[in-house]
PDB file of all heavy atoms in Angstrom:
ATOM      1  N   PHE A   1     -13.446  15.932  -3.407  1.00  0.00           N
ATOM      2  CA  PHE A   1     -13.066  14.647  -4.007  1.00  0.00           C
ATOM      3  C   PHE A   1     -13.060  13.521  -2.922  1.00  0.00           C
ATOM      4  O   PHE A   1     -12.779  13.784  -1.762  1.00  0.00           O
ATOM      5  CB  PHE A   1     -11.642  14.693  -4.601  1.00  0.00           C
ATOM      6  CG  PHE A   1     -11.587  15.388  -5.926  1.00  0.00           C
ATOM      7  CD1 PHE A   1     -10.797  16.538  -6.102  1.00  0.00           C
ATOM      8  CD2 PHE A   1     -12.346  14.964  -7.041  1.00  0.00           C
ATOM      9  CE1 PHE A   1     -10.721  17.203  -7.308  1.00  0.00           C
ATOM     10  CE2 PHE A   1     -12.242  15.603  -8.250  1.00  0.00           C
ATOM     11  CZ  PHE A   1     -11.472  16.728  -8.413  1.00  0.00           C
ATOM     12  N   MET A   2     -13.318  12.377  -3.367  1.00  0.00           N
ATOM     13  CA  MET A   2     -13.014  11.138  -2.625  1.00  0.00           C
ATOM     14  C   MET A   2     -11.761  10.560  -3.206  1.00  0.00           C
ATOM     15  O   MET A   2     -11.637  10.366  -4.371  1.00  0.00           O
ATOM     16  CB  MET A   2     -14.142  10.098  -2.721  1.00  0.00           C
ATOM     17  CG  MET A   2     -13.807   8.828  -2.011  1.00  0.00           C
ATOM     18  SD  MET A   2     -15.219   7.726  -1.838  1.00  0.00           S
ATOM     19  CE  MET A   2     -16.062   8.439  -0.429  1.00  0.00           C
ATOM     20  N   LEU A   3     -10.761  10.318  -2.312  1.00  0.00           N
ATOM     21  CA  LEU A   3      -9.514   9.640  -2.691  1.00  0.00           C
ATOM     22  C   LEU A   3      -9.676   8.135  -2.458  1.00  0.00           C
ATOM     23  O   LEU A   3     -10.603   7.722  -1.766  1.00  0.00           O
ATOM     24  CB  LEU A   3      -8.337  10.265  -1.910  1.00  0.00           C
ATOM     25  CG  LEU A   3      -8.169  11.751  -1.917  1.00  0.00           C
ATOM     26  CD1 LEU A   3      -6.991  12.178  -0.979  1.00  0.00           C
ATOM     27  CD2 LEU A   3      -8.008  12.315  -3.310  1.00  0.00           C
ATOM     28  N   VAL A   4      -8.701   7.396  -2.977  1.00  0.00           N
ATOM     29  CA  VAL A   4      -8.670   5.954  -2.665  1.00  0.00           C
ATOM     30  C   VAL A   4      -7.240   5.630  -2.287  1.00  0.00           C
ATOM     31  O   VAL A   4      -6.322   5.857  -3.070  1.00  0.00           O
ATOM     32  CB  VAL A   4      -9.153   5.102  -3.805  1.00  0.00           C
ATOM     33  CG1 VAL A   4      -8.489   5.296  -5.083  1.00  0.00           C
ATOM     34  CG2 VAL A   4      -9.199   3.647  -3.399  1.00  0.00           C
ATOM     35  N   ASP A   5      -7.041   5.132  -1.079  1.00  0.00           N
ATOM     36  CA  ASP A   5      -5.710   4.840  -0.529  1.00  0.00           C
ATOM     37  C   ASP A   5      -4.798   6.011  -0.707  1.00  0.00           C
ATOM     38  O   ASP A   5      -3.587   5.844  -1.038  1.00  0.00           O
ATOM     39  CB  ASP A   5      -5.119   3.563  -1.229  1.00  0.00           C
ATOM     40  CG  ASP A   5      -5.899   2.353  -0.873  1.00  0.00           C
ATOM     41  OD1 ASP A   5      -6.375   2.223   0.292  1.00  0.00           O
ATOM     42  OD2 ASP A   5      -6.079   1.519  -1.777  1.00  0.00           O
ATOM     43  N   GLY A   6      -5.298   7.212  -0.496  1.00  0.00           N
ATOM     44  CA  GLY A   6      -4.507   8.422  -0.519  1.00  0.00           C
ATOM     45  C   GLY A   6      -4.277   9.002  -1.877  1.00  0.00           C
ATOM     46  O   GLY A   6      -3.674  10.094  -2.060  1.00  0.00           O
ATOM     47  N   GLY A   7      -4.754   8.349  -2.958  1.00  0.00           N
ATOM     48  CA  GLY A   7      -4.542   8.866  -4.350  1.00  0.00           C
ATOM     49  C   GLY A   7      -5.819   9.179  -5.028  1.00  0.00           C
ATOM     50  O   GLY A   7      -6.959   8.957  -4.508  1.00  0.00           O
ATOM     51  N   LYS A   8      -5.746   9.615  -6.268  1.00  0.00           N
ATOM     52  CA  LYS A   8      -6.874   9.983  -7.045  1.00  0.00           C
ATOM     53  C   LYS A   8      -7.701   8.762  -7.398  1.00  0.00           C
ATOM     54  O   LYS A   8      -7.188   7.685  -7.666  1.00  0.00           O
ATOM     55  CB  LYS A   8      -6.397  10.690  -8.338  1.00  0.00           C
ATOM     56  CG  LYS A   8      -7.563  11.112  -9.194  1.00  0.00           C
ATOM     57  CD  LYS A   8      -7.137  11.799 -10.535  1.00  0.00           C
ATOM     58  CE  LYS A   8      -8.258  12.242 -11.413  1.00  0.00           C
ATOM     59  NZ  LYS A   8      -7.728  12.801 -12.661  1.00  0.00           N
ATOM     60  N   MET A   9      -9.032   8.889  -7.367  1.00  0.00           N
ATOM     61  CA  MET A   9      -9.953   7.857  -7.753  1.00  0.00           C
ATOM     62  C   MET A   9     -10.536   8.227  -9.116  1.00  0.00           C
ATOM     63  O   MET A   9     -11.037   9.318  -9.294  1.00  0.00           O
ATOM     64  CB  MET A   9     -11.091   7.754  -6.705  1.00  0.00           C
ATOM     65  CG  MET A   9     -12.173   6.761  -7.162  1.00  0.00           C
ATOM     66  SD  MET A   9     -13.615   6.678  -5.969  1.00  0.00           S
ATOM     67  CE  MET A   9     -12.815   5.946  -4.560  1.00  0.00           C
ATOM     68  N   SER A  10     -10.409   7.359 -10.134  1.00  0.00           N
ATOM     69  CA  SER A  10     -10.978   7.625 -11.346  1.00  0.00           C
ATOM     70  C   SER A  10     -11.117   6.316 -12.162  1.00  0.00           C
ATOM     71  O   SER A  10     -10.419   5.331 -11.945  1.00  0.00           O
ATOM     72  CB  SER A  10     -10.099   8.586 -12.202  1.00  0.00           C
ATOM     73  OG  SER A  10      -8.916   7.926 -12.596  1.00  0.00           O
ATOM     74  N   LYS A  11     -12.096   6.330 -13.087  1.00  0.00           N
ATOM     75  CA  LYS A  11     -12.311   5.145 -13.933  1.00  0.00           C
ATOM     76  C   LYS A  11     -11.077   4.832 -14.762  1.00  0.00           C
ATOM     77  O   LYS A  11     -10.738   3.634 -14.978  1.00  0.00           O
ATOM     78  CB  LYS A  11     -13.546   5.331 -14.849  1.00  0.00           C
ATOM     79  CG  LYS A  11     -14.879   5.447 -14.131  1.00  0.00           C
ATOM     80  CD  LYS A  11     -15.976   5.576 -15.135  1.00  0.00           C
ATOM     81  CE  LYS A  11     -17.338   5.560 -14.434  1.00  0.00           C
ATOM     82  NZ  LYS A  11     -17.667   6.893 -13.784  1.00  0.00           N
ATOM     83  N   SER A  12     -10.360   5.840 -15.238  1.00  0.00           N
ATOM     84  CA  SER A  12      -9.220   5.628 -16.057  1.00  0.00           C
ATOM     85  C   SER A  12      -8.060   4.898 -15.278  1.00  0.00           C
ATOM     86  O   SER A  12      -7.255   4.173 -15.891  1.00  0.00           O
ATOM     87  CB  SER A  12      -8.679   6.942 -16.631  1.00  0.00           C
ATOM     88  OG  SER A  12      -8.244   7.835 -15.577  1.00  0.00           O
ATOM     89  N   LEU A  13      -8.024   5.123 -13.989  1.00  0.00           N
ATOM     90  CA  LEU A  13      -6.960   4.470 -13.151  1.00  0.00           C
ATOM     91  C   LEU A  13      -7.383   3.084 -12.700  1.00  0.00           C
ATOM     92  O   LEU A  13      -6.624   2.341 -12.042  1.00  0.00           O
ATOM     93  CB  LEU A  13      -6.625   5.322 -11.923  1.00  0.00           C
ATOM     94  CG  LEU A  13      -5.968   6.695 -12.248  1.00  0.00           C
ATOM     95  CD1 LEU A  13      -5.819   7.534 -10.931  1.00  0.00           C
ATOM     96  CD2 LEU A  13      -4.611   6.536 -12.901  1.00  0.00           C
ATOM     97  N   LYS A  14      -8.666   2.755 -12.970  1.00  0.00           N
ATOM     98  CA  LYS A  14      -9.223   1.449 -12.589  1.00  0.00           C
ATOM     99  C   LYS A  14      -9.172   1.129 -11.058  1.00  0.00           C
ATOM    100  O   LYS A  14      -8.841   0.039 -10.651  1.00  0.00           O
ATOM    101  CB  LYS A  14      -8.547   0.323 -13.355  1.00  0.00           C
ATOM    102  CG  LYS A  14      -8.728   0.449 -14.885  1.00  0.00           C
ATOM    103  CD  LYS A  14      -8.124  -0.647 -15.672  1.00  0.00           C
ATOM    104  CE  LYS A  14      -8.350  -0.447 -17.134  1.00  0.00           C
ATOM    105  NZ  LYS A  14      -7.704  -1.597 -17.945  1.00  0.00           N
ATOM    106  N   ASN A  15      -9.373   2.257 -10.286  1.00  0.00           N
ATOM    107  CA  ASN A  15      -9.310   2.069  -8.849  1.00  0.00           C
ATOM    108  C   ASN A  15     -10.644   2.517  -8.195  1.00  0.00           C
ATOM    109  O   ASN A  15     -10.673   3.031  -7.098  1.00  0.00           O
ATOM    110  CB  ASN A  15      -8.177   2.756  -8.239  1.00  0.00           C
ATOM    111  CG  ASN A  15      -8.209   4.319  -8.381  1.00  0.00           C
ATOM    112  OD1 ASN A  15      -9.084   4.766  -9.113  1.00  0.00           O
ATOM    113  ND2 ASN A  15      -7.312   5.015  -7.792  1.00  0.00           N
ATOM    114  N   THR A  16     -11.734   2.382  -8.944  1.00  0.00           N
ATOM    115  CA  THR A  16     -13.037   2.795  -8.475  1.00  0.00           C
ATOM    116  C   THR A  16     -13.866   1.578  -8.000  1.00  0.00           C
ATOM    117  O   THR A  16     -13.535   0.344  -8.364  1.00  0.00           O
ATOM    118  CB  THR A  16     -13.840   3.504  -9.500  1.00  0.00           C
ATOM    119  OG1 THR A  16     -14.088   2.600 -10.614  1.00  0.00           O
ATOM    120  CG2 THR A  16     -13.095   4.716 -10.041  1.00  0.00           C
ATOM    121  N   TYR A  17     -14.876   1.840  -7.147  1.00  0.00           N
ATOM    122  CA  TYR A  17     -15.754   0.751  -6.689  1.00  0.00           C
ATOM    123  C   TYR A  17     -17.204   1.181  -6.820  1.00  0.00           C
ATOM    124  O   TYR A  17     -17.484   2.377  -6.751  1.00  0.00           O
ATOM    125  CB  TYR A  17     -15.483   0.451  -5.171  1.00  0.00           C
ATOM    126  CG  TYR A  17     -14.014  -0.036  -4.946  1.00  0.00           C
ATOM    127  CD1 TYR A  17     -13.086   0.890  -4.450  1.00  0.00           C
ATOM    128  CD2 TYR A  17     -13.637  -1.357  -5.081  1.00  0.00           C
ATOM    129  CE1 TYR A  17     -11.775   0.486  -4.251  1.00  0.00           C
ATOM    130  CE2 TYR A  17     -12.390  -1.713  -4.899  1.00  0.00           C
ATOM    131  CZ  TYR A  17     -11.432  -0.840  -4.447  1.00  0.00           C
ATOM    132  OH  TYR A  17     -10.129  -1.211  -4.195  1.00  0.00           O
ATOM    133  N   THR A  18     -18.072   0.260  -7.099  1.00  0.00           N
ATOM    134  CA  THR A  18     -19.453   0.536  -7.189  1.00  0.00           C
ATOM    135  C   THR A  18     -20.173   0.101  -5.902  1.00  0.00           C
ATOM    136  O   THR A  18     -19.517  -0.605  -5.095  1.00  0.00           O
ATOM    137  CB  THR A  18     -20.146  -0.182  -8.454  1.00  0.00           C
ATOM    138  OG1 THR A  18     -20.018  -1.600  -8.200  1.00  0.00           O
ATOM    139  CG2 THR A  18     -19.393   0.212  -9.692  1.00  0.00           C
ATOM    140  N   VAL A  19     -21.416   0.428  -5.774  1.00  0.00           N
ATOM    141  CA  VAL A  19     -22.141   0.006  -4.574  1.00  0.00           C
ATOM    142  C   VAL A  19     -22.309  -1.473  -4.595  1.00  0.00           C
ATOM    143  O   VAL A  19     -22.164  -2.130  -3.520  1.00  0.00           O
ATOM    144  CB  VAL A  19     -23.598   0.673  -4.610  1.00  0.00           C
ATOM    145  CG1 VAL A  19     -24.432   0.108  -3.505  1.00  0.00           C
ATOM    146  CG2 VAL A  19     -23.464   2.173  -4.314  1.00  0.00           C
ATOM    147  N   ASP A  20     -22.500  -2.122  -5.777  1.00  0.00           N
ATOM    148  CA  ASP A  20     -22.593  -3.529  -5.851  1.00  0.00           C
ATOM    149  C   ASP A  20     -21.379  -4.254  -5.394  1.00  0.00           C
ATOM    150  O   ASP A  20     -21.416  -5.275  -4.655  1.00  0.00           O
ATOM    151  CB  ASP A  20     -22.929  -3.968  -7.242  1.00  0.00           C
ATOM    152  CG  ASP A  20     -24.387  -3.833  -7.613  1.00  0.00           C
ATOM    153  OD1 ASP A  20     -25.240  -3.886  -6.680  1.00  0.00           O
ATOM    154  OD2 ASP A  20     -24.728  -3.669  -8.800  1.00  0.00           O
ATOM    155  N   GLN A  21     -20.199  -3.639  -5.740  1.00  0.00           N
ATOM    156  CA  GLN A  21     -18.944  -4.225  -5.253  1.00  0.00           C
ATOM    157  C   GLN A  21     -18.767  -4.098  -3.820  1.00  0.00           C
ATOM    158  O   GLN A  21     -18.209  -5.034  -3.150  1.00  0.00           O
ATOM    159  CB  GLN A  21     -17.755  -3.565  -6.005  1.00  0.00           C
ATOM    160  CG  GLN A  21     -17.688  -3.948  -7.511  1.00  0.00           C
ATOM    161  CD  GLN A  21     -16.655  -3.148  -8.240  1.00  0.00           C
ATOM    162  OE1 GLN A  21     -16.501  -1.914  -7.993  1.00  0.00           O
ATOM    163  NE2 GLN A  21     -15.963  -3.746  -9.226  1.00  0.00           N
ATOM    164  N   LEU A  22     -19.242  -2.973  -3.146  1.00  0.00           N
ATOM    165  CA  LEU A  22     -19.154  -2.913  -1.702  1.00  0.00           C
ATOM    166  C   LEU A  22     -20.026  -3.978  -1.049  1.00  0.00           C
ATOM    167  O   LEU A  22     -19.659  -4.593  -0.078  1.00  0.00           O
ATOM    168  CB  LEU A  22     -19.563  -1.519  -1.233  1.00  0.00           C
ATOM    169  CG  LEU A  22     -18.641  -0.386  -1.609  1.00  0.00           C
ATOM    170  CD1 LEU A  22     -19.185   0.919  -0.948  1.00  0.00           C
ATOM    171  CD2 LEU A  22     -17.213  -0.626  -1.204  1.00  0.00           C
ATOM    172  N   ILE A  23     -21.237  -4.186  -1.627  1.00  0.00           N
ATOM    173  CA  ILE A  23     -22.166  -5.159  -1.108  1.00  0.00           C
ATOM    174  C   ILE A  23     -21.556  -6.589  -1.172  1.00  0.00           C
ATOM    175  O   ILE A  23     -21.589  -7.391  -0.253  1.00  0.00           O
ATOM    176  CB  ILE A  23     -23.448  -5.154  -1.884  1.00  0.00           C
ATOM    177  CG1 ILE A  23     -24.207  -3.807  -1.514  1.00  0.00           C
ATOM    178  CG2 ILE A  23     -24.370  -6.335  -1.456  1.00  0.00           C
ATOM    179  CD1 ILE A  23     -25.486  -3.589  -2.344  1.00  0.00           C
ATOM    180  N   GLU A  24     -20.849  -6.835  -2.307  1.00  0.00           N
ATOM    181  CA  GLU A  24     -20.195  -8.144  -2.510  1.00  0.00           C
ATOM    182  C   GLU A  24     -19.102  -8.343  -1.405  1.00  0.00           C
ATOM    183  O   GLU A  24     -18.834  -9.487  -1.042  1.00  0.00           O
ATOM    184  CB  GLU A  24     -19.543  -8.237  -3.865  1.00  0.00           C
ATOM    185  CG  GLU A  24     -20.546  -8.365  -5.004  1.00  0.00           C
ATOM    186  CD  GLU A  24     -19.903  -8.211  -6.332  1.00  0.00           C
ATOM    187  OE1 GLU A  24     -18.647  -8.033  -6.406  1.00  0.00           O
ATOM    188  OE2 GLU A  24     -20.647  -8.240  -7.356  1.00  0.00           O
ATOM    189  N   LYS A  25     -18.531  -7.325  -0.910  1.00  0.00           N
ATOM    190  CA  LYS A  25     -17.450  -7.404   0.125  1.00  0.00           C
ATOM    191  C   LYS A  25     -18.003  -7.360   1.530  1.00  0.00           C
ATOM    192  O   LYS A  25     -17.281  -7.314   2.520  1.00  0.00           O
ATOM    193  CB  LYS A  25     -16.447  -6.246  -0.057  1.00  0.00           C
ATOM    194  CG  LYS A  25     -15.651  -6.368  -1.301  1.00  0.00           C
ATOM    195  CD  LYS A  25     -14.619  -5.200  -1.415  1.00  0.00           C
ATOM    196  CE  LYS A  25     -13.767  -5.306  -2.747  1.00  0.00           C
ATOM    197  NZ  LYS A  25     -12.811  -6.469  -2.640  1.00  0.00           N
ATOM    198  N   GLY A  26     -19.334  -7.403   1.629  1.00  0.00           N
ATOM    199  CA  GLY A  26     -19.985  -7.508   2.920  1.00  0.00           C
ATOM    200  C   GLY A  26     -20.419  -6.241   3.651  1.00  0.00           C
ATOM    201  O   GLY A  26     -20.837  -6.237   4.778  1.00  0.00           O
ATOM    202  N   TYR A  27     -20.381  -5.112   2.850  1.00  0.00           N
ATOM    203  CA  TYR A  27     -20.855  -3.860   3.423  1.00  0.00           C
ATOM    204  C   TYR A  27     -22.259  -3.522   2.923  1.00  0.00           C
ATOM    205  O   TYR A  27     -22.632  -3.861   1.800  1.00  0.00           O
ATOM    206  CB  TYR A  27     -19.913  -2.760   3.074  1.00  0.00           C
ATOM    207  CG  TYR A  27     -18.484  -2.992   3.387  1.00  0.00           C
ATOM    208  CD1 TYR A  27     -17.530  -3.295   2.398  1.00  0.00           C
ATOM    209  CD2 TYR A  27     -18.020  -2.891   4.686  1.00  0.00           C
ATOM    210  CE1 TYR A  27     -16.242  -3.539   2.701  1.00  0.00           C
ATOM    211  CE2 TYR A  27     -16.688  -3.114   5.009  1.00  0.00           C
ATOM    212  CZ  TYR A  27     -15.796  -3.470   4.032  1.00  0.00           C
ATOM    213  OH  TYR A  27     -14.481  -3.704   4.298  1.00  0.00           O
ATOM    214  N   SER A  28     -23.014  -2.843   3.777  1.00  0.00           N
ATOM    215  CA  SER A  28     -24.268  -2.346   3.306  1.00  0.00           C
ATOM    216  C   SER A  28     -24.161  -0.964   2.650  1.00  0.00           C
ATOM    217  O   SER A  28     -23.120  -0.272   2.994  1.00  0.00           O
ATOM    218  CB  SER A  28     -25.287  -2.272   4.432  1.00  0.00           C
ATOM    219  OG  SER A  28     -24.999  -1.123   5.252  1.00  0.00           O
ATOM    220  N   PRO A  29     -25.030  -0.533   1.793  1.00  0.00           N
ATOM    221  CA  PRO A  29     -24.934   0.806   1.254  1.00  0.00           C
ATOM    222  C   PRO A  29     -24.933   1.884   2.387  1.00  0.00           C
ATOM    223  O   PRO A  29     -24.225   2.863   2.233  1.00  0.00           O
ATOM    224  CB  PRO A  29     -26.222   0.920   0.422  1.00  0.00           C
ATOM    225  CG  PRO A  29     -26.454  -0.486  -0.085  1.00  0.00           C
ATOM    226  CD  PRO A  29     -26.080  -1.268   1.114  1.00  0.00           C
ATOM    227  N   LEU A  30     -25.644   1.597   3.493  1.00  0.00           N
ATOM    228  CA  LEU A  30     -25.664   2.602   4.568  1.00  0.00           C
ATOM    229  C   LEU A  30     -24.332   2.616   5.365  1.00  0.00           C
ATOM    230  O   LEU A  30     -24.027   3.611   5.979  1.00  0.00           O
ATOM    231  CB  LEU A  30     -26.852   2.385   5.497  1.00  0.00           C
ATOM    232  CG  LEU A  30     -28.243   2.604   4.827  1.00  0.00           C
ATOM    233  CD1 LEU A  30     -29.298   2.584   5.899  1.00  0.00           C
ATOM    234  CD2 LEU A  30     -28.266   3.930   4.045  1.00  0.00           C
ATOM    235  N   ASP A  31     -23.608   1.544   5.229  1.00  0.00           N
ATOM    236  CA  ASP A  31     -22.239   1.599   5.846  1.00  0.00           C
ATOM    237  C   ASP A  31     -21.440   2.664   5.091  1.00  0.00           C
ATOM    238  O   ASP A  31     -20.659   3.405   5.735  1.00  0.00           O
ATOM    239  CB  ASP A  31     -21.535   0.228   5.716  1.00  0.00           C
ATOM    240  CG  ASP A  31     -22.180  -0.838   6.613  1.00  0.00           C
ATOM    241  OD1 ASP A  31     -22.810  -0.471   7.663  1.00  0.00           O
ATOM    242  OD2 ASP A  31     -21.986  -2.032   6.323  1.00  0.00           O
ATOM    243  N   PHE A  32     -21.632   2.632   3.753  1.00  0.00           N
ATOM    244  CA  PHE A  32     -20.831   3.637   2.970  1.00  0.00           C
ATOM    245  C   PHE A  32     -21.332   5.036   3.260  1.00  0.00           C
ATOM    246  O   PHE A  32     -20.593   5.994   3.347  1.00  0.00           O
ATOM    247  CB  PHE A  32     -20.935   3.295   1.483  1.00  0.00           C
ATOM    248  CG  PHE A  32     -20.325   4.377   0.576  1.00  0.00           C
ATOM    249  CD1 PHE A  32     -18.883   4.502   0.618  1.00  0.00           C
ATOM    250  CD2 PHE A  32     -21.078   5.152  -0.236  1.00  0.00           C
ATOM    251  CE1 PHE A  32     -18.358   5.477  -0.171  1.00  0.00           C
ATOM    252  CE2 PHE A  32     -20.447   6.141  -0.947  1.00  0.00           C
ATOM    253  CZ  PHE A  32     -19.091   6.292  -0.950  1.00  0.00           C
TER     254      PHE A  32
END
């Protein structure tokens, strides 16, 4: 699993990110 801030990551918890969202925050896909 990948966690987020130490907890579960899931669509139902609304704490997921997409590649597009990472790009919007200034990261490249290869950074991820």
